[in-house]
Amino acid sequence: MTVLKPDNAAQVLEAVRWAVAEEQPLEIVGTGTKRGLGRPVQAAHTLDLSGLSGVVSYEPEELLLTVLPGTPMAEVTALLAGRGQEFAFEAPDHGPLLGLPGGGGTVGGVVSAGLAGPRRFKAGSARDHVLGLHAVSGRGESFKAGGKVVKNVTGYDLPKLLTGAYGTLGVLTELTIKVLPGPETARTLVLAGVAAADGIALMAAALGSSAEVSGAAWVPENLAFPGLPDRTPCAVLRLEGPAVSVAARMTHLRAMLDGRAAQAELAGEESAALWRAIRDVTPFAEDPDRLVWKLSVPPAEGARVLDRLLSACPGAKAFLDQGGGWIWLSLPAGDALAGAVRGAILAPEGFGGGGHATLVRAPEAVRASVPVFQPQPAGLAALSARIKAQFDPKGVLNPGRMTAGA
């Protein structure tokens, strides 16, 4: 395998033009921590972007950060924290989940995978914070899109299109991302002893209130999370912001939910550790042989889908995030049970339905044989194929990463 490691955008352009001219597919990587996400790439050459690292500009007063794609997330997180700021979309660190050390990802990897954490329902995903980018298409053409203000889009919103495309539409060479002030304090209300359906009802009530909840999850009795009572299913609700505001909102939330579950509170590092574990899916990192799925469903359907999953998939373990809208599912090693997992989303007559399921962790052979991403309806699949053909007509960028044979 040939590894091409450019130091600047001009060398990236040169490398892609070579690949196009020779019709040689490229695997696009930074530090490789997200190599295990998606299908295995069908390429004999690697384009390593780790050399494109560094902060181009940081304007804390304007809440703007421009970086090169290979810049480590750990470096950027520390830089922002020094000014009391952060990426509000709360990007997860899936390194340990995928069998790698934590803290090794890059900004380009987070954007390419379109990741977000527990604050997703409130702050949006990575694509909602990428204001502008520079990239090289699979045609061997350099282009830029967006800018440094929120309202800068005319025509197609290319930053949103490329965010979450897993490097199949363009090679990122520079990113401008909106940052926001980090919360002064955070506290978590623990509602203990509640089953999934009751937990979702409690989360829905909290999310519909004036408490401004920024995290809402439910965990079962068979998974250990820091700060939570052992062998007790719990719903957890996070409040963030100025200390005075958080205290007042917590008082209101506790009074509103009084009598519906046993209540406890976590603050400081205890609260932060819990939400890092939820964000990074830490309990599922402990057994690397098990397969991991992530399902996105209507929150009101979360408990029903979970029940169907646990019935159809022997040995399954799961917890809920996003108020019941995300189901993190762990299965014993072996069959990915894709039919059963995706079948659980299709609700029986009389209920709602819809959603999608992504195979997050599995051996390479399984990821090559099972549709990792939710299969698209025919019309949407045809549209996706046309977009791919426009950006990468010879299929040289991460072929096979999202769709078999593409």
Protein backbone atom coordinates (compact mmCIF):
# COMPACT_ATOMS: atom_id res chain seq x y z
CA MET A 1 0.00 0.00 0.00
CA THR A 2 1.27 3.47 -0.96
CA VAL A 3 0.88 6.18 1.68
CA LEU A 4 0.73 9.75 0.43
CA LYS A 5 1.26 12.29 3.20
CA PRO A 6 0.85 15.89 1.99
CA ASP A 7 1.91 18.87 4.09
CA ASN A 8 -0.39 21.45 2.52
CA ALA A 9 -3.50 21.90 0.38
CA ALA A 10 -1.51 22.19 -2.85
CA GLN A 11 0.00 18.75 -2.26
CA VAL A 12 -3.46 17.32 -1.51
CA LEU A 13 -4.66 18.67 -4.86
CA GLU A 14 -1.65 17.13 -6.59
CA ALA A 15 -2.25 13.75 -4.94
CA VAL A 16 -5.93 13.66 -5.91
CA ARG A 17 -5.15 14.70 -9.48
CA TRP A 18 -2.69 11.82 -9.69
CA ALA A 19 -5.33 9.42 -8.38
CA VAL A 20 -7.88 10.67 -10.92
CA ALA A 21 -5.44 10.47 -13.84
CA GLU A 22 -4.33 6.95 -12.89
CA GLU A 23 -7.80 5.90 -11.69
CA GLN A 24 -6.27 4.80 -8.38
CA PRO A 25 -8.69 4.87 -5.41
CA LEU A 26 -7.57 6.55 -2.20
CA GLU A 27 -8.44 5.90 1.42
CA ILE A 28 -8.66 9.30 3.16
CA VAL A 29 -7.49 9.24 6.79
CA GLY A 30 -6.25 11.56 9.52
CA THR A 31 -4.97 9.61 12.50
CA GLY A 32 -7.16 6.64 11.56
CA THR A 33 -9.24 6.54 14.76
CA LYS A 34 -12.49 6.36 12.75
CA ARG A 35 -11.29 3.73 10.29
CA GLY A 36 -13.61 1.24 11.95
CA LEU A 37 -16.70 3.35 11.20
CA GLY A 38 -18.52 2.58 7.98
CA ARG A 39 -17.67 -0.14 5.47
CA PRO A 40 -14.05 -1.13 4.73
CA VAL A 41 -12.59 1.13 2.05
CA GLN A 42 -11.66 -0.56 -1.21
CA ALA A 43 -8.40 1.25 -2.02
CA ALA A 44 -4.74 0.30 -2.45
CA HIS A 45 -3.43 3.77 -1.56
CA THR A 46 -3.83 5.97 1.52
CA LEU A 47 -4.01 9.77 1.60
CA ASP A 48 -2.82 10.66 5.11
CA LEU A 49 -3.94 14.15 6.17
CA SER A 50 -2.26 14.14 9.59
CA GLY A 51 0.38 16.50 8.20
CA LEU A 52 -2.28 19.18 7.63
CA SER A 53 -2.41 20.15 11.29
CA GLY A 54 -2.65 23.47 13.05
CA VAL A 55 -4.87 26.42 13.89
CA VAL A 56 -5.17 28.88 11.03
CA SER A 57 -7.01 31.50 13.08
CA TYR A 58 -8.95 31.70 16.33
CA GLU A 59 -11.20 34.68 17.04
CA PRO A 60 -12.76 34.00 20.45
CA GLU A 61 -14.63 37.32 20.46
CA GLU A 62 -16.27 36.34 17.14
CA LEU A 63 -16.76 32.69 18.20
CA LEU A 64 -14.81 31.49 15.15
CA LEU A 65 -12.13 28.85 14.74
CA THR A 66 -10.39 27.97 11.46
CA VAL A 67 -8.24 24.84 11.51
CA LEU A 68 -6.58 22.33 9.22
CA PRO A 69 -8.31 18.91 9.14
CA GLY A 70 -5.50 16.93 10.76
CA THR A 71 -5.53 19.08 13.91
CA PRO A 72 -6.00 16.83 16.98
CA MET A 73 -9.31 17.28 18.77
CA ALA A 74 -7.46 17.17 22.10
CA GLU A 75 -5.38 20.19 21.05
CA VAL A 76 -8.42 22.16 19.91
CA THR A 77 -10.45 21.25 23.01
CA ALA A 78 -7.67 22.53 25.26
CA LEU A 79 -7.32 25.74 23.23
CA LEU A 80 -11.05 26.48 23.46
CA ALA A 81 -11.26 25.57 27.14
CA GLY A 82 -8.54 28.14 27.85
CA ARG A 83 -11.00 30.80 26.71
CA GLY A 84 -14.06 29.20 28.30
CA GLN A 85 -15.38 27.97 24.94
CA GLU A 86 -16.18 24.64 23.29
CA PHE A 87 -17.70 22.84 20.34
CA ALA A 88 -21.31 22.85 21.50
CA PHE A 89 -22.19 19.70 19.54
CA GLU A 90 -20.19 17.69 22.10
CA ALA A 91 -18.28 15.41 19.71
CA PRO A 92 -17.84 11.87 21.08
CA ASP A 93 -14.49 10.14 21.38
CA HIS A 94 -15.15 6.67 19.96
CA GLY A 95 -11.50 5.61 20.06
CA PRO A 96 -11.94 3.23 23.04
CA LEU A 97 -15.20 1.89 21.59
CA LEU A 98 -13.29 0.94 18.43
CA GLY A 99 -10.38 -0.59 20.33
CA LEU A 100 -8.04 2.42 20.21
CA PRO A 101 -6.70 4.83 22.84
CA GLY A 102 -8.87 7.81 23.68
CA GLY A 103 -8.07 11.37 22.63
CA GLY A 104 -6.57 10.48 19.25
CA GLY A 105 -9.12 11.88 16.81
CA THR A 106 -8.87 14.94 14.56
CA VAL A 107 -11.22 17.79 13.74
CA GLY A 108 -11.44 16.59 10.14
CA GLY A 109 -12.49 13.13 11.31
CA VAL A 110 -15.25 14.51 13.52
CA VAL A 111 -16.61 16.63 10.66
CA SER A 112 -16.27 13.87 8.06
CA ALA A 113 -18.23 11.49 10.28
CA GLY A 114 -20.75 14.19 11.28
CA LEU A 115 -20.59 13.28 14.95
CA ALA A 116 -22.42 14.72 17.95
CA GLY A 117 -23.07 13.81 21.57
CA PRO A 118 -25.83 14.07 24.21
CA ARG A 119 -26.41 17.78 23.53
CA ARG A 120 -27.41 16.97 19.93
CA PHE A 121 -31.14 17.70 20.41
CA LYS A 122 -30.38 21.14 21.83
CA ALA A 123 -27.23 22.31 20.02
CA GLY A 124 -27.38 20.35 16.77
CA SER A 125 -24.77 18.13 15.13
CA ALA A 126 -21.36 18.95 13.67
CA ARG A 127 -22.97 19.94 10.36
CA ASP A 128 -24.87 22.73 12.13
CA HIS A 129 -21.60 24.33 13.29
CA VAL A 130 -19.41 24.08 10.19
CA LEU A 131 -19.59 27.53 8.60
CA GLY A 132 -17.11 27.09 5.77
CA LEU A 133 -14.56 24.74 4.27
CA HIS A 134 -11.90 24.27 1.62
CA ALA A 135 -11.73 20.89 -0.09
CA VAL A 136 -10.57 18.98 -3.17
CA SER A 137 -13.21 17.06 -5.12
CA GLY A 138 -12.78 13.69 -6.78
CA ARG A 139 -12.50 15.59 -10.06
CA GLY A 140 -9.16 16.93 -8.90
CA GLU A 141 -10.56 20.42 -8.42
CA SER A 142 -9.99 22.66 -5.39
CA PHE A 143 -13.06 24.52 -4.11
CA LYS A 144 -14.31 26.44 -1.10
CA ALA A 145 -17.79 26.83 0.30
CA GLY A 146 -19.46 28.84 3.05
CA GLY A 147 -17.56 31.49 4.95
CA LYS A 148 -17.16 32.96 8.42
CA VAL A 149 -20.72 34.03 9.20
CA VAL A 150 -23.83 31.94 9.77
CA LYS A 151 -25.91 33.43 6.93
CA ASN A 152 -23.50 32.94 4.07
CA VAL A 153 -25.15 30.26 1.95
CA THR A 154 -26.47 30.77 -1.56
CA GLY A 155 -27.38 27.75 -3.64
CA TYR A 156 -26.27 24.39 -2.28
CA ASP A 157 -25.06 24.28 1.32
CA LEU A 158 -21.88 22.34 0.57
CA PRO A 159 -20.49 22.42 4.14
CA LYS A 160 -23.58 20.51 5.31
CA LEU A 161 -23.33 18.13 2.35
CA LEU A 162 -19.69 17.24 3.01
CA THR A 163 -20.14 16.97 6.78
CA GLY A 164 -21.01 13.36 7.46
CA ALA A 165 -20.03 12.21 3.95
CA TYR A 166 -17.09 10.17 5.32
CA GLY A 167 -14.67 11.63 2.80
CA THR A 168 -16.55 10.24 -0.20
CA LEU A 169 -17.30 13.62 -1.82
CA GLY A 170 -14.18 15.67 -1.13
CA VAL A 171 -10.90 15.82 0.76
CA LEU A 172 -11.13 18.52 3.44
CA THR A 173 -8.16 20.90 3.58
CA GLU A 174 -9.48 23.67 5.89
CA LEU A 175 -12.48 24.10 8.19
CA THR A 176 -14.15 27.12 9.81
CA ILE A 177 -16.31 26.11 12.76
CA LYS A 178 -18.57 28.08 15.08
CA VAL A 179 -17.65 27.77 18.76
CA LEU A 180 -19.74 28.76 21.78
CA PRO A 181 -19.13 29.61 25.44
CA GLY A 182 -18.91 26.55 27.64
CA PRO A 183 -21.35 26.26 30.55
CA GLU A 184 -20.31 27.77 33.87
CA THR A 185 -21.70 24.76 35.72
CA ALA A 186 -23.61 21.53 35.13
CA ARG A 187 -25.79 19.42 37.40
CA THR A 188 -27.58 16.14 36.74
CA LEU A 189 -30.88 14.99 38.20
CA VAL A 190 -30.98 11.20 38.63
CA LEU A 191 -34.43 9.58 38.63
CA ALA A 192 -33.85 6.05 39.94
CA GLY A 193 -35.89 2.88 39.66
CA VAL A 194 -37.77 3.68 36.45
CA ALA A 195 -38.32 1.33 33.51
CA ALA A 196 -37.65 2.50 29.96
CA ALA A 197 -41.22 3.57 29.17
CA ASP A 198 -41.53 5.52 32.42
CA GLY A 199 -38.08 7.01 31.88
CA ILE A 200 -39.07 8.27 28.45
CA ALA A 201 -42.23 9.81 29.91
CA LEU A 202 -40.16 11.60 32.58
CA MET A 203 -37.65 12.81 29.99
CA ALA A 204 -40.45 14.06 27.74
CA ALA A 205 -41.95 16.03 30.61
CA ALA A 206 -38.58 17.57 31.45
CA LEU A 207 -37.76 18.38 27.82
CA GLY A 208 -41.14 20.05 27.42
CA SER A 209 -40.65 22.22 30.48
CA SER A 210 -38.83 25.52 30.99
CA ALA A 211 -35.87 23.73 32.65
CA GLU A 212 -33.79 23.87 29.42
CA VAL A 213 -32.48 20.34 29.72
CA SER A 214 -29.27 19.72 27.75
CA GLY A 215 -29.00 15.97 28.25
CA ALA A 216 -31.65 13.26 28.67
CA ALA A 217 -30.78 9.56 28.84
CA TRP A 218 -32.00 6.29 30.33
CA VAL A 219 -29.75 3.43 31.43
CA PRO A 220 -30.78 -0.11 32.48
CA GLU A 221 -29.78 -2.13 35.51
CA ASN A 222 -27.25 -4.30 33.62
CA LEU A 223 -24.89 -1.49 32.53
CA ALA A 224 -22.55 0.37 34.87
CA PHE A 225 -22.30 4.15 34.48
CA PRO A 226 -20.27 6.37 36.83
CA GLY A 227 -22.22 8.04 39.61
CA LEU A 228 -25.38 5.95 39.21
CA PRO A 229 -26.74 3.41 41.72
CA ASP A 230 -25.75 -0.17 40.93
CA ARG A 231 -28.36 -2.45 39.32
CA THR A 232 -31.00 0.25 39.20
CA PRO A 233 -32.50 1.59 35.95
CA CYS A 234 -32.27 5.38 35.88
CA ALA A 235 -33.34 8.35 33.81
CA VAL A 236 -30.81 11.19 33.96
CA LEU A 237 -31.37 14.86 33.10
CA ARG A 238 -28.60 17.44 32.71
CA LEU A 239 -28.90 21.17 33.29
CA GLU A 240 -26.13 23.57 32.22
CA GLY A 241 -25.46 27.29 32.38
CA PRO A 242 -24.77 30.00 34.97
CA ALA A 243 -24.76 28.58 38.50
CA VAL A 244 -27.69 30.70 39.70
CA SER A 245 -29.80 29.73 36.71
CA VAL A 246 -28.96 26.02 37.01
CA ALA A 247 -29.88 26.04 40.72
CA ALA A 248 -33.25 27.69 40.04
CA ARG A 249 -34.06 25.39 37.13
CA MET A 250 -33.06 22.32 39.14
CA THR A 251 -35.40 23.34 41.96
CA HIS A 252 -38.21 23.75 39.44
CA LEU A 253 -37.46 20.41 37.75
CA ARG A 254 -37.30 18.49 41.01
CA ALA A 255 -40.61 19.96 42.15
CA MET A 256 -42.25 19.18 38.80
CA LEU A 257 -41.16 15.52 38.91
CA ASP A 258 -41.62 15.05 42.66
CA GLY A 259 -43.22 11.74 43.57
CA ARG A 260 -42.64 10.11 40.18
CA ALA A 261 -39.23 8.57 41.01
CA ALA A 262 -36.52 8.56 43.66
CA GLN A 263 -34.37 11.65 43.10
CA ALA A 264 -30.65 12.32 43.53
CA GLU A 265 -28.19 14.85 42.11
CA LEU A 266 -24.73 14.76 40.60
CA ALA A 267 -22.55 17.86 40.25
CA GLY A 268 -19.04 18.79 39.20
CA GLU A 269 -16.79 15.96 38.00
CA GLU A 270 -19.39 13.32 38.96
CA SER A 271 -21.85 14.84 36.49
CA ALA A 272 -19.19 15.36 33.82
CA ALA A 273 -17.95 11.75 34.09
CA LEU A 274 -21.46 10.38 33.63
CA TRP A 275 -22.09 12.37 30.46
CA ARG A 276 -18.67 11.51 29.02
CA ALA A 277 -19.55 7.85 29.50
CA ILE A 278 -22.90 8.35 27.74
CA ARG A 279 -21.27 10.40 24.97
CA ASP A 280 -18.46 7.92 24.33
CA VAL A 281 -20.60 4.78 24.90
CA THR A 282 -17.99 3.73 27.46
CA PRO A 283 -19.78 0.62 28.87
CA PHE A 284 -19.73 -0.99 25.42
CA ALA A 285 -15.98 -0.39 25.10
CA GLU A 286 -15.31 -2.93 27.84
CA ASP A 287 -16.13 -5.96 25.67
CA PRO A 288 -14.60 -5.30 22.22
CA ASP A 289 -15.90 -8.57 20.73
CA ARG A 290 -19.54 -7.53 20.95
CA LEU A 291 -21.17 -5.73 18.02
CA VAL A 292 -22.57 -2.23 18.51
CA TRP A 293 -25.49 -0.60 16.70
CA LYS A 294 -26.89 2.91 16.97
CA LEU A 295 -30.57 3.38 16.18
CA SER A 296 -32.32 6.70 15.67
CA VAL A 297 -36.08 6.56 16.21
CA PRO A 298 -38.89 8.92 17.25
CA PRO A 299 -38.31 9.44 21.01
CA ALA A 300 -41.87 8.43 21.86
CA GLU A 301 -41.19 5.06 20.17
CA GLY A 302 -37.91 4.41 21.98
CA ALA A 303 -39.28 2.05 24.64
CA ARG A 304 -41.34 0.02 22.15
CA VAL A 305 -38.41 -0.36 19.77
CA LEU A 306 -36.18 -1.31 22.68
CA ASP A 307 -38.62 -4.02 23.77
CA ARG A 308 -38.70 -5.46 20.25
CA LEU A 309 -34.89 -5.42 20.07
CA LEU A 310 -34.46 -7.21 23.39
CA SER A 311 -36.99 -9.86 22.32
CA ALA A 312 -35.49 -10.39 18.85
CA CYS A 313 -31.79 -10.26 19.81
CA PRO A 314 -30.73 -12.73 22.52
CA GLY A 315 -28.06 -11.38 24.86
CA ALA A 316 -28.63 -7.77 23.81
CA LYS A 317 -27.82 -4.82 26.06
CA ALA A 318 -28.94 -1.25 25.39
CA PHE A 319 -29.37 2.26 26.74
CA LEU A 320 -31.19 5.35 25.49
CA ASP A 321 -29.98 8.87 24.73
CA GLN A 322 -31.69 11.94 23.22
CA GLY A 323 -34.79 11.52 25.36
CA GLY A 324 -35.32 8.03 23.90
CA GLY A 325 -34.51 8.99 20.30
CA TRP A 326 -31.15 7.16 20.20
CA ILE A 327 -30.81 3.51 21.13
CA TRP A 328 -27.27 2.25 21.68
CA LEU A 329 -27.39 -1.53 21.27
CA SER A 330 -24.71 -4.14 22.06
CA LEU A 331 -24.99 -7.69 20.70
CA PRO A 332 -22.92 -10.82 21.36
CA ALA A 333 -20.14 -11.56 18.86
CA GLY A 334 -21.28 -13.31 15.71
CA ASP A 335 -24.22 -12.49 13.49
CA ALA A 336 -24.95 -8.76 13.20
CA LEU A 337 -28.71 -9.59 13.17
CA ALA A 338 -29.23 -6.72 10.73
CA GLY A 339 -32.68 -7.98 9.74
CA ALA A 340 -33.87 -8.17 13.33
CA VAL A 341 -32.33 -4.82 14.29
CA ARG A 342 -33.75 -2.94 11.33
CA GLY A 343 -37.01 -4.86 11.57
CA ALA A 344 -37.51 -3.51 15.09
CA ILE A 345 -37.72 0.01 13.66
CA LEU A 346 -40.69 -0.97 11.51
CA ALA A 347 -43.42 -0.58 14.09
CA PRO A 348 -46.47 -2.86 14.06
CA GLU A 349 -49.69 -1.40 12.73
CA GLY A 350 -51.19 1.07 15.17
CA PHE A 351 -47.93 2.61 16.29
CA GLY A 352 -45.60 5.17 14.76
CA GLY A 353 -42.41 4.11 13.08
CA GLY A 354 -39.47 5.18 11.02
CA GLY A 355 -35.86 5.77 11.82
CA HIS A 356 -32.55 4.24 10.88
CA ALA A 357 -29.93 1.89 12.27
CA THR A 358 -26.15 2.13 11.83
CA LEU A 359 -23.71 -0.68 12.56
CA VAL A 360 -21.05 1.19 14.55
CA ARG A 361 -18.69 -1.62 15.59
CA ALA A 362 -18.15 -5.00 13.97
CA PRO A 363 -15.28 -7.02 12.48
CA GLU A 364 -14.22 -5.95 9.01
CA ALA A 365 -15.70 -9.05 7.38
CA VAL A 366 -19.11 -8.27 8.90
CA ARG A 367 -18.96 -4.62 7.87
CA ALA A 368 -18.14 -5.72 4.32
CA SER A 369 -21.14 -8.05 4.10
CA VAL A 370 -23.84 -6.15 6.01
CA PRO A 371 -25.22 -2.71 5.02
CA VAL A 372 -23.56 -0.60 7.71
CA PHE A 373 -25.77 2.42 7.05
CA GLN A 374 -29.54 2.27 6.76
CA PRO A 375 -30.43 1.28 3.16
CA GLN A 376 -32.00 4.25 1.38
CA PRO A 377 -35.30 4.21 -0.53
CA ALA A 378 -34.78 3.89 -4.28
CA GLY A 379 -35.36 7.57 -5.06
CA LEU A 380 -32.99 8.81 -2.35
CA ALA A 381 -30.35 6.23 -3.30
CA ALA A 382 -30.49 7.42 -6.92
CA LEU A 383 -30.08 11.03 -5.79
CA SER A 384 -27.10 10.09 -3.60
CA ALA A 385 -25.50 8.25 -6.54
CA ARG A 386 -25.90 11.31 -8.77
CA ILE A 387 -24.29 13.56 -6.14
CA LYS A 388 -21.40 11.11 -5.79
CA ALA A 389 -20.98 11.05 -9.57
CA GLN A 390 -20.84 14.84 -9.70
CA PHE A 391 -18.20 15.17 -6.99
CA ASP A 392 -16.22 11.99 -7.68
CA PRO A 393 -17.02 10.60 -11.15
CA LYS A 394 -14.17 8.03 -11.15
CA GLY A 395 -14.82 6.87 -7.60
CA VAL A 396 -11.35 7.59 -6.24
CA LEU A 397 -12.37 8.96 -2.80
CA ASN A 398 -12.99 6.37 -0.07
CA PRO A 399 -14.72 3.90 -2.43
CA GLY A 400 -17.03 1.49 -0.64
CA ARG A 401 -16.99 3.44 2.66
CA MET A 402 -20.72 4.13 2.64
CA THR A 403 -22.16 1.89 -0.10
CA ALA A 404 -20.94 -1.41 -1.50
CA GLY A 405 -19.35 -1.03 -4.92
CA ALA A 406 -19.42 2.78 -4.78
